[in-house]
C-alpha atoms as a PDB file:
ATOM      1  CA  MET A   1     -23.498 -26.501  16.349  1.00  0.00           C
ATOM      2  CA  ALA A   2     -20.039 -25.445  15.108  1.00  0.00           C
ATOM      3  CA  LYS A   3     -17.007 -27.508  16.032  1.00  0.00           C
ATOM      4  CA  ASN A   4     -16.000 -26.797  19.659  1.00  0.00           C
ATOM      5  CA  GLU A   5     -18.763 -24.146  19.935  1.00  0.00           C
ATOM      6  CA  HIS A   6     -19.535 -24.962  23.588  1.00  0.00           C
ATOM      7  CA  GLU A   7     -15.849 -24.662  24.572  1.00  0.00           C
ATOM      8  CA  VAL A   8     -15.440 -21.380  22.684  1.00  0.00           C
ATOM      9  CA  LYS A   9     -18.515 -19.752  24.205  1.00  0.00           C
ATOM     10  CA  ASN A  10     -17.643 -20.907  27.721  1.00  0.00           C
ATOM     11  CA  ASP A  11     -13.874 -20.490  27.736  1.00  0.00           C
ATOM     12  CA  LEU A  12     -11.761 -19.318  30.651  1.00  0.00           C
ATOM     13  CA  PHE A  13     -11.717 -15.619  29.659  1.00  0.00           C
ATOM     14  CA  GLY A  14     -15.354 -15.123  28.658  1.00  0.00           C
ATOM     15  CA  PHE A  15     -16.867 -14.753  25.224  1.00  0.00           C
ATOM     16  CA  GLY A  16     -17.036 -10.947  25.082  1.00  0.00           C
ATOM     17  CA  ASP A  17     -19.402  -8.518  23.392  1.00  0.00           C
ATOM     18  CA  LYS A  18     -19.837  -7.944  19.661  1.00  0.00           C
ATOM     19  CA  ASN A  19     -16.671  -6.296  18.409  1.00  0.00           C
ATOM     20  CA  VAL A  20     -18.363  -3.139  17.101  1.00  0.00           C
ATOM     21  CA  ALA A  21     -15.325  -0.853  17.522  1.00  0.00           C
ATOM     22  CA  PHE A  22     -13.162  -2.943  15.171  1.00  0.00           C
ATOM     23  CA  ALA A  23     -15.913  -4.465  12.971  1.00  0.00           C
ATOM     24  CA  LYS A  24     -14.503  -2.781   9.851  1.00  0.00           C
ATOM     25  CA  TYR A  25     -11.422  -5.023  10.127  1.00  0.00           C
ATOM     26  CA  PHE A  26     -13.431  -8.257  10.046  1.00  0.00           C
ATOM     27  CA  ILE A  27     -15.578 -10.100   7.547  1.00  0.00           C
ATOM     28  CA  GLY A  28     -18.331 -11.574   9.712  1.00  0.00           C
ATOM     29  CA  THR A  29     -18.893 -11.142  13.417  1.00  0.00           C
ATOM     30  CA  SER A  30     -16.208 -11.224  16.090  1.00  0.00           C
ATOM     31  CA  TYR A  31     -16.471 -10.724  19.836  1.00  0.00           C
ATOM     32  CA  LEU A  32     -14.035  -8.818  22.049  1.00  0.00           C
ATOM     33  CA  ASN A  33     -13.386  -9.130  25.765  1.00  0.00           C
ATOM     34  CA  GLY A  34     -10.696  -6.708  26.977  1.00  0.00           C
ATOM     35  CA  LEU A  35      -8.645  -8.294  29.744  1.00  0.00           C
ATOM     36  CA  VAL A  36      -5.959  -5.628  30.289  1.00  0.00           C
ATOM     37  CA  SER A  37      -6.086  -2.183  28.706  1.00  0.00           C
ATOM     38  CA  PRO A  38      -3.103   0.104  28.282  1.00  0.00           C
ATOM     39  CA  ASP A  39      -2.848   2.986  30.701  1.00  0.00           C
ATOM     40  CA  ASP A  40      -0.036   5.240  31.911  1.00  0.00           C
ATOM     41  CA  ASN A  41       1.674   2.344  33.716  1.00  0.00           C
ATOM     42  CA  ILE A  42       1.079  -0.566  31.331  1.00  0.00           C
ATOM     43  CA  ASP A  43       2.032  -0.387  27.653  1.00  0.00           C
ATOM     44  CA  VAL A  44       0.177  -3.521  26.548  1.00  0.00           C
ATOM     45  CA  ASN A  45      -3.339  -4.502  25.530  1.00  0.00           C
ATOM     46  CA  VAL A  46      -4.555  -8.012  26.290  1.00  0.00           C
ATOM     47  CA  SER A  47      -7.873  -9.159  24.856  1.00  0.00           C
ATOM     48  CA  ASN A  48      -9.824 -12.318  24.215  1.00  0.00           C
ATOM     49  CA  VAL A  49     -11.222 -12.351  20.663  1.00  0.00           C
ATOM     50  CA  ASN A  50     -13.752 -14.901  19.448  1.00  0.00           C
ATOM     51  CA  PHE A  51     -14.961 -15.465  15.899  1.00  0.00           C
ATOM     52  CA  GLU A  52     -18.306 -16.752  14.659  1.00  0.00           C
ATOM     53  CA  PRO A  53     -17.944 -19.593  12.139  1.00  0.00           C
ATOM     54  CA  GLY A  54     -16.802 -18.154   8.803  1.00  0.00           C
ATOM     55  CA  CYS A  55     -15.586 -14.872  10.327  1.00  0.00           C
ATOM     56  CA  ARG A  56     -12.175 -13.694   9.209  1.00  0.00           C
ATOM     57  CA  ASN A  57      -9.828 -10.858  10.076  1.00  0.00           C
ATOM     58  CA  ASN A  58      -8.709  -8.670   7.175  1.00  0.00           C
ATOM     59  CA  TRP A  59      -5.034  -8.642   6.146  1.00  0.00           C
ATOM     60  CA  HIS A  60      -3.140  -6.149   8.287  1.00  0.00           C
ATOM     61  CA  ILE A  61       0.328  -5.246   9.553  1.00  0.00           C
ATOM     62  CA  HIS A  62       1.567  -4.568  13.070  1.00  0.00           C
ATOM     63  CA  HIS A  63       4.051  -1.769  12.357  1.00  0.00           C
ATOM     64  CA  ASP A  64       5.079  -0.686  15.847  1.00  0.00           C
ATOM     65  CA  GLY A  65       4.235  -3.621  18.008  1.00  0.00           C
ATOM     66  CA  PHE A  66       3.641  -7.269  18.387  1.00  0.00           C
ATOM     67  CA  GLN A  67       0.708  -9.603  18.719  1.00  0.00           C
ATOM     68  CA  ILE A  68       0.628 -12.971  20.393  1.00  0.00           C
ATOM     69  CA  LEU A  69      -2.146 -15.412  19.558  1.00  0.00           C
ATOM     70  CA  LEU A  70      -2.921 -17.909  22.334  1.00  0.00           C
ATOM     71  CA  VAL A  71      -5.497 -20.355  21.077  1.00  0.00           C
ATOM     72  CA  THR A  72      -7.635 -21.401  24.046  1.00  0.00           C
ATOM     73  CA  ALA A  73     -10.629 -22.995  22.299  1.00  0.00           C
ATOM     74  CA  GLY A  74     -12.007 -23.697  18.849  1.00  0.00           C
ATOM     75  CA  GLU A  75      -9.874 -23.717  15.759  1.00  0.00           C
ATOM     76  CA  GLY A  76      -9.138 -21.452  12.837  1.00  0.00           C
ATOM     77  CA  TRP A  77      -6.571 -20.464  10.254  1.00  0.00           C
ATOM     78  CA  TYR A  78      -3.640 -18.048  10.471  1.00  0.00           C
ATOM     79  CA  GLN A  79      -1.427 -16.913   7.613  1.00  0.00           C
ATOM     80  CA  GLU A  80       1.519 -14.563   7.218  1.00  0.00           C
ATOM     81  CA  GLU A  81       2.318 -12.963   3.877  1.00  0.00           C
ATOM     82  CA  GLY A  82       4.335 -15.305   1.665  1.00  0.00           C
ATOM     83  CA  LYS A  83       3.829 -18.314   3.956  1.00  0.00           C
ATOM     84  CA  PRO A  84       1.317 -21.154   3.834  1.00  0.00           C
ATOM     85  CA  ALA A  85      -1.785 -20.939   6.034  1.00  0.00           C
ATOM     86  CA  GLN A  86      -1.638 -22.953   9.237  1.00  0.00           C
ATOM     87  CA  LEU A  87      -4.502 -24.503  11.169  1.00  0.00           C
ATOM     88  CA  LEU A  88      -4.568 -23.328  14.783  1.00  0.00           C
ATOM     89  CA  LYS A  89      -6.006 -25.476  17.582  1.00  0.00           C
ATOM     90  CA  PRO A  90      -6.208 -25.094  21.380  1.00  0.00           C
ATOM     91  CA  GLY A  91      -2.723 -24.855  22.861  1.00  0.00           C
ATOM     92  CA  ASP A  92      -1.121 -23.244  19.789  1.00  0.00           C
ATOM     93  CA  VAL A  93       0.841 -20.018  20.210  1.00  0.00           C
ATOM     94  CA  VAL A  94       1.805 -17.636  17.405  1.00  0.00           C
ATOM     95  CA  ALA A  95       4.092 -14.614  17.946  1.00  0.00           C
ATOM     96  CA  ILE A  96       3.519 -11.971  15.259  1.00  0.00           C
ATOM     97  CA  GLY A  97       5.910  -9.148  14.500  1.00  0.00           C
ATOM     98  CA  VAL A  98       8.818 -10.648  16.405  1.00  0.00           C
ATOM     99  CA  LYS A  99      12.175  -9.686  14.899  1.00  0.00           C
ATOM    100  CA  LYS A 100      14.280 -12.733  14.096  1.00  0.00           C
END
């Protein structure tokens, strides 16, 4: 069993289904559970994404928006271009694309 596997698969927001729609952006298998989808009144997408052990997200840029990572279970690595990788654990928050 992977580290924290029980907590990841049984977390507050649900594990989600295989992330088929965005599979080309991942190496390995991820799971996606949409929590809030954008519509005419809400200009935000909120999702719970889970990763199988060894899965990684390909390098990408958020040109016209932001992303906030809220780590609720498990652990994994996050890295921005030109910065060292950082280990993320439950309770960590990363704001991506925020202008400083």
